[in-house]
Amino acid sequence: MKLTGFSAIEYAEKEGLKLQKAADRIDDAQCDLTIAEAEAIAADDPDLIWLEVPDGEYYGEPRNMQPER
């Protein structure tokens, strides 16, 4: 499953993953973006940010997603 935009950012933040940026007419594609970098890009064009997640992982068993304190 391919998540895009702010859905991808939210999921990556909860799971501690890096994000990808698709190429556009100005810049090449980028890999391993941080949450802050992805949010800055998504503010202009959320469709450029994406994250590939296996269906079983995304739709799997519910997990506690609260950060540990």
N, C-alpha and C. Protein backbone atom coordinates (compact mmCIF):
# COMPACT_ATOMS: atom_id res chain seq x y z
N MET A 1 0.85 -1.16 0.00
CA MET A 1 0.00 0.00 0.00
C MET A 1 0.90 1.23 0.00
N LYS A 2 0.55 2.18 -0.81
CA LYS A 2 1.32 3.42 -0.90
C LYS A 2 0.53 4.54 -0.22
N LEU A 3 1.09 5.07 0.83
CA LEU A 3 0.50 6.23 1.52
C LEU A 3 1.15 7.48 0.95
N THR A 4 0.36 8.53 0.84
CA THR A 4 0.89 9.78 0.33
C THR A 4 0.51 10.93 1.26
N GLY A 5 1.20 12.03 1.08
CA GLY A 5 0.89 13.26 1.78
C GLY A 5 0.97 13.16 3.29
N PHE A 6 0.05 13.81 3.96
CA PHE A 6 0.08 13.89 5.41
C PHE A 6 -0.26 12.56 6.07
N SER A 7 -0.97 11.68 5.38
CA SER A 7 -1.22 10.33 5.91
C SER A 7 0.10 9.57 6.02
N ALA A 8 0.94 9.70 5.01
CA ALA A 8 2.25 9.05 5.03
C ALA A 8 3.11 9.64 6.14
N ILE A 9 3.08 10.93 6.29
CA ILE A 9 3.88 11.60 7.32
C ILE A 9 3.44 11.14 8.71
N GLU A 10 2.14 11.10 8.94
CA GLU A 10 1.62 10.67 10.24
C GLU A 10 2.04 9.24 10.56
N TYR A 11 1.90 8.35 9.58
CA TYR A 11 2.26 6.95 9.80
C TYR A 11 3.77 6.82 10.04
N ALA A 12 4.57 7.51 9.26
CA ALA A 12 6.02 7.44 9.42
C ALA A 12 6.45 7.98 10.78
N GLU A 13 5.80 9.01 11.24
CA GLU A 13 6.14 9.58 12.54
C GLU A 13 5.85 8.58 13.66
N LYS A 14 4.72 7.90 13.58
CA LYS A 14 4.33 6.92 14.60
C LYS A 14 5.22 5.69 14.58
N GLU A 15 5.69 5.31 13.40
CA GLU A 15 6.48 4.09 13.24
C GLU A 15 7.99 4.34 13.21
N GLY A 16 8.40 5.61 13.20
CA GLY A 16 9.82 5.92 13.17
C GLY A 16 10.46 5.63 11.82
N LEU A 17 9.72 5.85 10.73
CA LEU A 17 10.20 5.56 9.38
C LEU A 17 10.63 6.84 8.67
N LYS A 18 11.44 6.68 7.63
CA LYS A 18 11.83 7.79 6.76
C LYS A 18 10.87 7.82 5.57
N LEU A 19 10.72 8.96 4.94
CA LEU A 19 9.80 9.16 3.83
C LEU A 19 10.53 9.36 2.51
N GLN A 20 9.77 9.30 1.44
CA GLN A 20 10.30 9.48 0.09
C GLN A 20 9.62 10.70 -0.55
N LYS A 21 10.33 11.33 -1.48
CA LYS A 21 9.75 12.43 -2.26
C LYS A 21 9.83 12.06 -3.73
N ALA A 22 8.72 12.17 -4.39
CA ALA A 22 8.68 11.91 -5.83
C ALA A 22 9.34 13.06 -6.57
N ALA A 23 9.87 12.77 -7.74
CA ALA A 23 10.47 13.82 -8.57
C ALA A 23 9.37 14.74 -9.08
N ASP A 24 9.69 15.99 -9.22
CA ASP A 24 8.77 16.94 -9.84
C ASP A 24 9.53 17.66 -10.95
N ARG A 25 8.92 18.67 -11.54
CA ARG A 25 9.55 19.31 -12.69
C ARG A 25 10.78 20.12 -12.31
N ILE A 26 10.98 20.37 -11.01
CA ILE A 26 12.12 21.17 -10.57
C ILE A 26 13.21 20.30 -9.92
N ASP A 27 12.82 19.40 -9.04
CA ASP A 27 13.77 18.61 -8.26
C ASP A 27 13.66 17.12 -8.56
N ASP A 28 14.76 16.41 -8.34
CA ASP A 28 14.78 14.96 -8.47
C ASP A 28 14.10 14.33 -7.25
N ALA A 29 13.86 13.04 -7.34
CA ALA A 29 13.31 12.28 -6.22
C ALA A 29 14.33 12.27 -5.08
N GLN A 30 13.83 12.15 -3.85
CA GLN A 30 14.69 12.09 -2.67
C GLN A 30 14.26 10.93 -1.80
N CYS A 31 15.23 10.33 -1.12
CA CYS A 31 14.96 9.21 -0.22
C CYS A 31 15.33 9.59 1.21
N ASP A 32 14.75 8.88 2.14
CA ASP A 32 15.10 9.00 3.56
C ASP A 32 14.91 10.41 4.12
N LEU A 33 13.77 11.00 3.83
CA LEU A 33 13.46 12.32 4.37
C LEU A 33 13.03 12.21 5.83
N THR A 34 13.37 13.19 6.62
CA THR A 34 12.89 13.27 7.99
C THR A 34 11.45 13.79 7.98
N ILE A 35 10.80 13.70 9.12
CA ILE A 35 9.43 14.20 9.23
C ILE A 35 9.40 15.70 8.92
N ALA A 36 10.33 16.46 9.47
CA ALA A 36 10.37 17.91 9.25
C ALA A 36 10.56 18.24 7.78
N GLU A 37 11.47 17.53 7.11
CA GLU A 37 11.70 17.77 5.68
C GLU A 37 10.44 17.46 4.88
N ALA A 38 9.80 16.34 5.20
CA ALA A 38 8.59 15.93 4.48
C ALA A 38 7.46 16.93 4.71
N GLU A 39 7.30 17.41 5.93
CA GLU A 39 6.25 18.39 6.22
C GLU A 39 6.47 19.68 5.44
N ALA A 40 7.72 20.11 5.32
CA ALA A 40 8.02 21.33 4.57
C ALA A 40 7.66 21.17 3.10
N ILE A 41 7.97 20.02 2.53
CA ILE A 41 7.63 19.77 1.12
C ILE A 41 6.12 19.62 0.96
N ALA A 42 5.48 18.91 1.89
CA ALA A 42 4.04 18.66 1.80
C ALA A 42 3.23 19.94 1.96
N ALA A 43 3.79 20.93 2.61
CA ALA A 43 3.07 22.20 2.75
C ALA A 43 2.78 22.81 1.38
N ASP A 44 3.69 22.59 0.41
CA ASP A 44 3.49 23.10 -0.94
C ASP A 44 2.77 22.10 -1.84
N ASP A 45 3.13 20.82 -1.74
CA ASP A 45 2.52 19.79 -2.59
C ASP A 45 2.54 18.44 -1.87
N PRO A 46 1.48 18.11 -1.14
CA PRO A 46 1.46 16.87 -0.36
C PRO A 46 1.57 15.61 -1.21
N ASP A 47 1.20 15.66 -2.47
CA ASP A 47 1.25 14.47 -3.32
C ASP A 47 2.67 14.02 -3.65
N LEU A 48 3.66 14.86 -3.38
CA LEU A 48 5.05 14.49 -3.64
C LEU A 48 5.61 13.54 -2.57
N ILE A 49 5.03 13.53 -1.39
CA ILE A 49 5.52 12.72 -0.28
C ILE A 49 4.82 11.37 -0.28
N TRP A 50 5.61 10.30 -0.14
CA TRP A 50 5.01 8.96 -0.14
C TRP A 50 5.81 8.00 0.74
N LEU A 51 5.13 6.90 1.05
CA LEU A 51 5.71 5.85 1.88
C LEU A 51 5.05 4.54 1.49
N GLU A 52 5.85 3.53 1.21
CA GLU A 52 5.32 2.21 0.87
C GLU A 52 5.23 1.38 2.15
N VAL A 53 4.02 0.87 2.45
CA VAL A 53 3.78 0.09 3.65
C VAL A 53 3.13 -1.23 3.24
N PRO A 54 3.66 -2.37 3.71
CA PRO A 54 3.00 -3.64 3.40
C PRO A 54 1.57 -3.67 3.95
N ASP A 55 0.63 -4.18 3.16
CA ASP A 55 -0.78 -4.21 3.58
C ASP A 55 -0.95 -4.89 4.93
N GLY A 56 -0.27 -6.02 5.13
CA GLY A 56 -0.40 -6.75 6.39
C GLY A 56 0.06 -5.94 7.58
N GLU A 57 1.05 -5.09 7.37
CA GLU A 57 1.55 -4.24 8.45
C GLU A 57 0.57 -3.09 8.73
N TYR A 58 0.02 -2.51 7.67
CA TYR A 58 -0.88 -1.37 7.83
C TYR A 58 -2.23 -1.80 8.38
N TYR A 59 -2.76 -2.91 7.87
CA TYR A 59 -4.07 -3.40 8.29
C TYR A 59 -3.99 -4.49 9.35
N GLY A 60 -2.80 -4.73 9.90
CA GLY A 60 -2.59 -5.81 10.87
C GLY A 60 -3.27 -5.53 12.21
N GLU A 61 -2.84 -6.29 13.19
CA GLU A 61 -3.38 -6.17 14.54
C GLU A 61 -3.21 -4.75 15.07
N PRO A 62 -4.22 -4.26 15.80
CA PRO A 62 -4.08 -2.94 16.42
C PRO A 62 -2.92 -2.93 17.41
N ARG A 63 -2.20 -1.81 17.44
CA ARG A 63 -1.08 -1.67 18.34
C ARG A 63 -1.23 -0.38 19.13
N ASN A 64 -0.58 -0.34 20.26
CA ASN A 64 -0.54 0.88 21.06
C ASN A 64 0.43 1.83 20.38
N MET A 65 -0.06 2.92 19.86
CA MET A 65 0.79 3.87 19.13
C MET A 65 1.17 5.08 19.98
N GLN A 66 0.86 5.03 21.29
CA GLN A 66 1.21 6.14 22.16
C GLN A 66 2.71 6.14 22.42
N PRO A 67 3.35 7.29 22.34
CA PRO A 67 4.79 7.32 22.64
C PRO A 67 5.03 6.99 24.11
N GLU A 68 6.13 6.31 24.36
CA GLU A 68 6.45 5.95 25.74
C GLU A 68 6.99 7.16 26.47
N ARG A 69 6.62 7.28 27.71
CA ARG A 69 7.06 8.43 28.51
C ARG A 69 7.83 7.96 29.69
